[in-house]
Amino acid sequence: MISDNDRSYWFGASDSYKIINPNHSTDTWQKWWRVKQGIESPEFTGNIYTDAGTKFEHPILDCFDKSINKDRQIFLEDLRLRVNYDGDKNGVIYEVKTHKIEKPFEITPYIEAQVQTEMYVYKEVMDDFQKLYILSYGLTDRDYQCDVPEVDFDRIKVHKVKYKRGHVKKFLKCLKPLVEELDLMRKPSILQDEKKCYLTGYEGDGLDCHHIYFGWGNRRISDENGFWVWIRHDFHIENSPNKTPHNDKDVDLWLKQDCQRKFEETHSREEFMQLIGRNYLD
């Protein structure tokens, strides 16, 4: 359960079906694309079913196997892919899906597209990928209303999903034009000329683009004004033992202050305030 709800400038596994089956003429697709561009904020609000799914996710994983790692997040910067994983262990991915107990679970085209992307990204970064299992769990009316989830192991059903190279090939073909359009909106960083970690100096693979002023709308502003830096992946993500801008307020503030100082070498304080709406130096 990753807490960053900003969906702009990144594609997640849950976007895969829209990417593979684009219908640009519909209001739904156009709205989704404007969110990706940072023009609009997402309007998704939870309901009793989605809330229950979130609430039961970790308990289901713990009931199945307490040693499963939870909430891994993997970035593929060049493809603007940011994929969250419910659980994984020793190269096996576990995707949790809840459903009404009276309705049998099925792997829909939407779910198929999602898990194929999860497997592709995992294979690209991790060297021990083996397979993906969907853990489906039927919820009763009582489960939807409960405050403390109680999981019945016998209700966990395991579904192995085969990796489909053809599906992934189609996904990548559809994804790349969208990535190229978003990349055109990103100006060079005002803080860096070289591709190396701004925090550690590391040069090599596994560097993420960090938007210094993030959150809805601000990623777009950061891209358009060069308010971003390269950060080594394990010094970038929230779920990391290292101090990162997404889990440590001091690191986040230091980057924001550094960027503001650099901007104000050639611009006024008023211009910065017009863009970001907040002063981080005083």
Protein backbone atom coordinates (compact mmCIF):
# COMPACT_ATOMS: atom_id res chain seq x y z
CA MET A 1 0.00 0.00 0.00
CA ILE A 2 2.03 2.93 -1.35
CA SER A 3 1.00 6.34 -0.01
CA ASP A 4 2.01 8.52 -2.99
CA ASN A 5 -1.28 9.15 -4.75
CA ASP A 6 0.07 11.53 -7.41
CA ARG A 7 -0.46 9.75 -10.74
CA SER A 8 1.02 12.41 -13.03
CA TYR A 9 4.03 11.77 -15.27
CA TRP A 10 4.21 8.07 -14.35
CA PHE A 11 2.44 5.01 -15.67
CA GLY A 12 1.52 2.23 -13.28
CA ALA A 13 0.62 -1.39 -13.91
CA SER A 14 -3.04 -0.49 -13.38
CA ASP A 15 -2.82 1.85 -16.41
CA SER A 16 -1.84 -1.00 -18.71
CA TYR A 17 -5.30 -1.77 -20.08
CA LYS A 18 -5.88 1.88 -21.07
CA ILE A 19 -2.47 1.99 -22.73
CA ILE A 20 -3.05 -1.18 -24.77
CA ASN A 21 -6.65 -0.34 -25.63
CA PRO A 22 -6.63 3.43 -26.16
CA ASN A 23 -9.88 5.08 -27.16
CA HIS A 24 -8.73 8.67 -27.51
CA SER A 25 -12.19 9.94 -28.39
CA THR A 26 -13.77 9.08 -25.04
CA ASP A 27 -14.02 11.50 -22.14
CA THR A 28 -12.66 8.79 -19.82
CA TRP A 29 -9.43 8.35 -21.78
CA GLN A 30 -8.94 12.10 -22.21
CA LYS A 31 -9.43 12.62 -18.49
CA TRP A 32 -6.89 9.88 -17.72
CA TRP A 33 -4.37 11.45 -20.11
CA ARG A 34 -4.80 14.93 -18.59
CA VAL A 35 -4.05 13.41 -15.18
CA LYS A 36 -0.86 11.87 -16.61
CA GLN A 37 0.12 15.26 -18.01
CA GLY A 38 -0.44 16.89 -14.61
CA ILE A 39 -3.20 19.10 -15.99
CA GLU A 40 -5.95 17.64 -13.82
CA SER A 41 -6.00 15.85 -10.49
CA PRO A 42 -7.47 12.35 -10.22
CA GLU A 43 -11.04 12.23 -8.96
CA PHE A 44 -10.94 8.69 -7.61
CA THR A 45 -12.55 8.29 -4.21
CA GLY A 46 -12.68 5.02 -2.34
CA ASN A 47 -15.78 3.02 -1.62
CA ILE A 48 -16.62 0.10 0.64
CA TYR A 49 -15.20 -2.39 -1.86
CA THR A 50 -11.89 -0.68 -2.61
CA ASP A 51 -11.41 0.21 1.05
CA ALA A 52 -11.92 -3.43 2.02
CA GLY A 53 -9.42 -4.53 -0.61
CA THR A 54 -6.79 -2.22 0.83
CA LYS A 55 -7.63 -3.23 4.39
CA PHE A 56 -7.33 -6.97 3.66
CA GLU A 57 -4.23 -6.83 1.43
CA HIS A 58 -1.52 -7.21 4.08
CA PRO A 59 -3.49 -9.62 6.30
CA ILE A 60 -4.06 -11.91 3.29
CA LEU A 61 -0.35 -11.90 2.47
CA ASP A 62 0.56 -12.55 6.13
CA CYS A 63 -1.93 -15.40 6.37
CA PHE A 64 -0.52 -16.98 3.21
CA ASP A 65 3.15 -16.46 4.17
CA LYS A 66 4.37 -13.95 6.76
CA SER A 67 7.81 -13.78 5.17
CA ILE A 68 6.52 -12.22 1.93
CA ASN A 69 8.04 -8.79 1.30
CA LYS A 70 5.35 -6.11 0.99
CA ASP A 71 4.97 -2.92 -1.02
CA ARG A 72 8.03 -3.07 -3.23
CA GLN A 73 8.11 -0.23 -5.75
CA ILE A 74 10.12 -0.46 -8.98
CA PHE A 75 10.83 2.35 -11.44
CA LEU A 76 11.79 2.10 -15.11
CA GLU A 77 12.74 5.72 -15.69
CA ASP A 78 13.12 5.55 -19.48
CA LEU A 79 9.57 4.22 -19.83
CA ARG A 80 8.12 6.32 -16.99
CA LEU A 81 6.90 3.13 -15.35
CA ARG A 82 6.37 3.12 -11.59
CA VAL A 83 5.03 -0.24 -10.50
CA ASN A 84 3.85 -1.13 -7.00
CA TYR A 85 3.83 -4.74 -5.86
CA ASP A 86 1.53 -6.11 -3.18
CA GLY A 87 4.10 -8.75 -2.27
CA ASP A 88 7.10 -10.70 -3.53
CA LYS A 89 9.49 -13.34 -2.23
CA ASN A 90 12.43 -15.09 -3.88
CA GLY A 91 11.43 -13.96 -7.35
CA VAL A 92 7.74 -14.79 -6.96
CA ILE A 93 5.24 -11.93 -7.25
CA TYR A 94 1.99 -12.03 -5.26
CA GLU A 95 -0.90 -9.86 -6.42
CA VAL A 96 -3.89 -9.73 -4.05
CA LYS A 97 -7.42 -9.42 -5.45
CA THR A 98 -10.55 -9.36 -3.31
CA HIS A 99 -14.06 -9.94 -4.60
CA LYS A 100 -17.57 -10.65 -3.37
CA ILE A 101 -17.62 -14.21 -2.11
CA GLU A 102 -20.80 -15.09 -3.98
CA LYS A 103 -19.19 -14.13 -7.31
CA PRO A 104 -16.36 -16.41 -8.51
CA PHE A 105 -13.09 -14.64 -9.22
CA GLU A 106 -11.96 -14.33 -12.83
CA ILE A 107 -8.87 -12.87 -14.44
CA THR A 108 -10.36 -10.10 -16.56
CA PRO A 109 -8.52 -8.42 -19.48
CA TYR A 110 -7.87 -5.48 -17.14
CA ILE A 111 -6.22 -7.71 -14.53
CA GLU A 112 -4.32 -9.65 -17.21
CA ALA A 113 -2.84 -6.42 -18.58
CA GLN A 114 -1.90 -5.27 -15.08
CA VAL A 115 -0.05 -8.42 -14.04
CA GLN A 116 1.75 -8.76 -17.38
CA THR A 117 3.24 -5.30 -16.80
CA GLU A 118 4.14 -6.25 -13.24
CA MET A 119 6.04 -9.27 -14.49
CA TYR A 120 7.79 -7.34 -17.27
CA VAL A 121 9.07 -4.59 -14.96
CA TYR A 122 10.14 -7.08 -12.30
CA LYS A 123 12.06 -9.11 -14.89
CA GLU A 124 13.83 -5.98 -16.12
CA VAL A 125 15.14 -5.01 -12.67
CA MET A 126 15.29 -8.16 -10.55
CA ASP A 127 17.46 -11.07 -11.63
CA ASP A 128 15.51 -13.79 -9.82
CA PHE A 129 12.03 -13.55 -11.38
CA GLN A 130 10.22 -16.90 -11.41
CA LYS A 131 6.46 -16.43 -11.64
CA LEU A 132 3.41 -14.46 -10.54
CA TYR A 133 0.51 -15.69 -8.43
CA ILE A 134 -2.77 -13.90 -7.93
CA LEU A 135 -4.15 -14.52 -4.45
CA SER A 136 -7.91 -14.08 -4.73
CA TYR A 137 -10.04 -13.83 -1.62
CA GLY A 138 -13.82 -13.76 -1.41
CA LEU A 139 -15.23 -11.21 1.05
CA THR A 140 -18.51 -11.57 2.91
CA ASP A 141 -20.83 -8.71 3.87
CA ARG A 142 -19.37 -8.92 7.36
CA ASP A 143 -15.84 -8.56 5.98
CA TYR A 144 -16.77 -5.33 4.23
CA GLN A 145 -18.03 -3.87 7.50
CA CYS A 146 -15.31 -5.09 9.87
CA ASP A 147 -12.70 -2.82 11.44
CA VAL A 148 -10.09 -5.53 12.04
CA PRO A 149 -9.71 -8.01 9.15
CA GLU A 150 -9.74 -11.71 10.00
CA VAL A 151 -8.51 -13.90 7.16
CA ASP A 152 -9.59 -17.49 6.61
CA PHE A 153 -6.71 -19.35 4.96
CA ASP A 154 -9.09 -21.78 3.24
CA ARG A 155 -10.66 -18.90 1.31
CA ILE A 156 -7.38 -17.86 -0.31
CA LYS A 157 -7.29 -19.15 -3.88
CA VAL A 158 -4.04 -19.23 -5.85
CA HIS A 159 -3.95 -18.48 -9.60
CA LYS A 160 -0.70 -18.79 -11.53
CA VAL A 161 -0.39 -16.38 -14.46
CA LYS A 162 1.81 -17.18 -17.44
CA TYR A 163 4.14 -14.47 -18.76
CA LYS A 164 3.10 -13.52 -22.30
CA ARG A 165 5.84 -11.93 -24.38
CA GLY A 166 3.43 -11.00 -27.16
CA HIS A 167 1.23 -9.10 -24.74
CA VAL A 168 4.22 -7.20 -23.36
CA LYS A 169 5.47 -6.39 -26.86
CA LYS A 170 2.12 -4.83 -27.73
CA PHE A 171 2.09 -2.91 -24.44
CA LEU A 172 5.55 -1.41 -25.06
CA LYS A 173 4.62 -0.44 -28.62
CA CYS A 174 1.57 1.47 -27.32
CA LEU A 175 3.43 2.94 -24.35
CA LYS A 176 6.40 4.52 -26.11
CA PRO A 177 4.49 7.29 -28.00
CA LEU A 178 2.91 8.38 -24.72
CA VAL A 179 6.31 8.45 -23.00
CA GLU A 180 7.78 10.50 -25.85
CA GLU A 181 4.99 13.06 -25.54
CA LEU A 182 5.58 13.43 -21.81
CA ASP A 183 9.35 13.63 -22.29
CA LEU A 184 8.94 16.64 -24.57
CA MET A 185 7.54 18.51 -21.58
CA ARG A 186 10.68 18.00 -19.43
CA LYS A 187 13.37 20.69 -19.58
CA PRO A 188 16.98 20.05 -18.48
CA SER A 189 17.65 20.15 -14.75
CA ILE A 190 18.78 23.54 -13.42
CA LEU A 191 20.87 21.74 -10.76
CA GLN A 192 22.70 19.11 -12.81
CA ASP A 193 24.54 18.80 -16.10
CA GLU A 194 25.56 15.16 -15.60
CA LYS A 195 23.51 12.05 -15.00
CA LYS A 196 24.57 11.06 -11.49
CA CYS A 197 22.91 10.83 -8.09
CA TYR A 198 22.49 14.29 -6.60
CA LEU A 199 22.63 12.86 -3.08
CA THR A 200 25.47 10.34 -3.32
CA GLY A 201 27.37 11.11 -6.52
CA TYR A 202 26.72 7.58 -7.79
CA GLU A 203 27.02 7.14 -11.56
CA GLY A 204 25.56 4.08 -13.20
CA ASP A 205 22.32 2.21 -13.70
CA GLY A 206 19.34 2.55 -11.37
CA LEU A 207 18.95 6.33 -11.36
CA ASP A 208 15.48 7.83 -10.94
CA CYS A 209 14.29 11.27 -11.94
CA HIS A 210 13.11 13.04 -8.78
CA HIS A 211 10.73 15.95 -9.18
CA ILE A 212 11.80 18.30 -6.39
CA TYR A 213 8.36 19.88 -6.04
CA PHE A 214 6.00 16.93 -6.33
CA GLY A 215 2.35 16.38 -5.57
CA TRP A 216 -0.52 17.14 -7.91
CA GLY A 217 0.33 19.85 -10.45
CA ASN A 218 3.85 20.38 -9.16
CA ARG A 219 5.40 17.55 -11.18
CA ARG A 220 4.33 19.33 -14.34
CA ILE A 221 5.81 22.60 -13.05
CA SER A 222 9.03 20.81 -12.09
CA ASP A 223 9.34 19.27 -15.56
CA GLU A 224 8.65 22.55 -17.35
CA ASN A 225 11.20 24.49 -15.27
CA GLY A 226 13.96 21.94 -14.72
CA PHE A 227 13.18 21.46 -11.03
CA TRP A 228 14.36 17.86 -10.94
CA VAL A 229 17.50 15.81 -10.23
CA TRP A 230 18.79 12.27 -10.68
CA ILE A 231 18.73 10.17 -7.50
CA ARG A 232 19.86 6.58 -7.03
CA HIS A 233 16.79 4.37 -6.76
CA ASP A 234 17.37 3.22 -3.17
CA PHE A 235 17.86 6.85 -2.10
CA HIS A 236 14.66 7.90 -3.86
CA ILE A 237 11.78 5.58 -3.02
CA GLU A 238 9.63 5.87 0.08
CA ASN A 239 9.96 2.24 1.14
CA SER A 240 13.75 2.29 1.69
CA PRO A 241 16.05 1.95 4.73
CA ASN A 242 17.93 5.02 3.45
CA LYS A 243 16.84 8.60 4.03
CA THR A 244 15.08 9.73 0.87
CA PRO A 245 13.04 12.79 -0.16
CA HIS A 246 9.92 10.63 0.09
CA ASN A 247 10.47 9.41 3.65
CA ASP A 248 12.60 12.11 5.30
CA LYS A 249 11.44 15.71 5.63
CA ASP A 250 14.97 17.07 6.05
CA VAL A 251 16.18 15.55 2.76
CA ASP A 252 13.05 16.81 1.01
CA LEU A 253 13.47 20.34 2.41
CA TRP A 254 17.19 20.46 1.57
CA LEU A 255 16.45 19.66 -2.08
CA LYS A 256 13.64 22.21 -2.24
CA GLN A 257 15.85 24.91 -0.74
CA ASP A 258 18.78 24.08 -3.04
CA CYS A 259 16.54 24.29 -6.08
CA GLN A 260 14.96 27.56 -5.00
CA ARG A 261 18.39 29.14 -4.42
CA LYS A 262 19.52 28.08 -7.88
CA PHE A 263 16.36 29.39 -9.53
CA GLU A 264 16.67 32.74 -7.74
CA GLU A 265 20.17 33.25 -9.13
CA THR A 266 18.45 34.30 -12.37
CA HIS A 267 14.88 34.95 -11.24
CA SER A 268 13.09 36.86 -8.50
CA ARG A 269 11.48 35.53 -5.35
CA GLU A 270 8.14 36.65 -6.74
CA GLU A 271 8.61 34.52 -9.85
CA PHE A 272 9.35 31.47 -7.71
CA MET A 273 6.30 32.10 -5.56
CA GLN A 274 4.12 32.40 -8.65
CA LEU A 275 5.26 28.95 -9.73
CA ILE A 276 5.36 27.01 -6.46
CA GLY A 277 3.25 29.15 -4.13
CA ARG A 278 5.58 28.72 -1.16
CA ASN A 279 8.94 30.04 0.00
CA TYR A 280 11.31 27.40 1.41
CA LEU A 281 14.24 29.69 2.28
CA ASP A 282 12.86 31.89 5.08
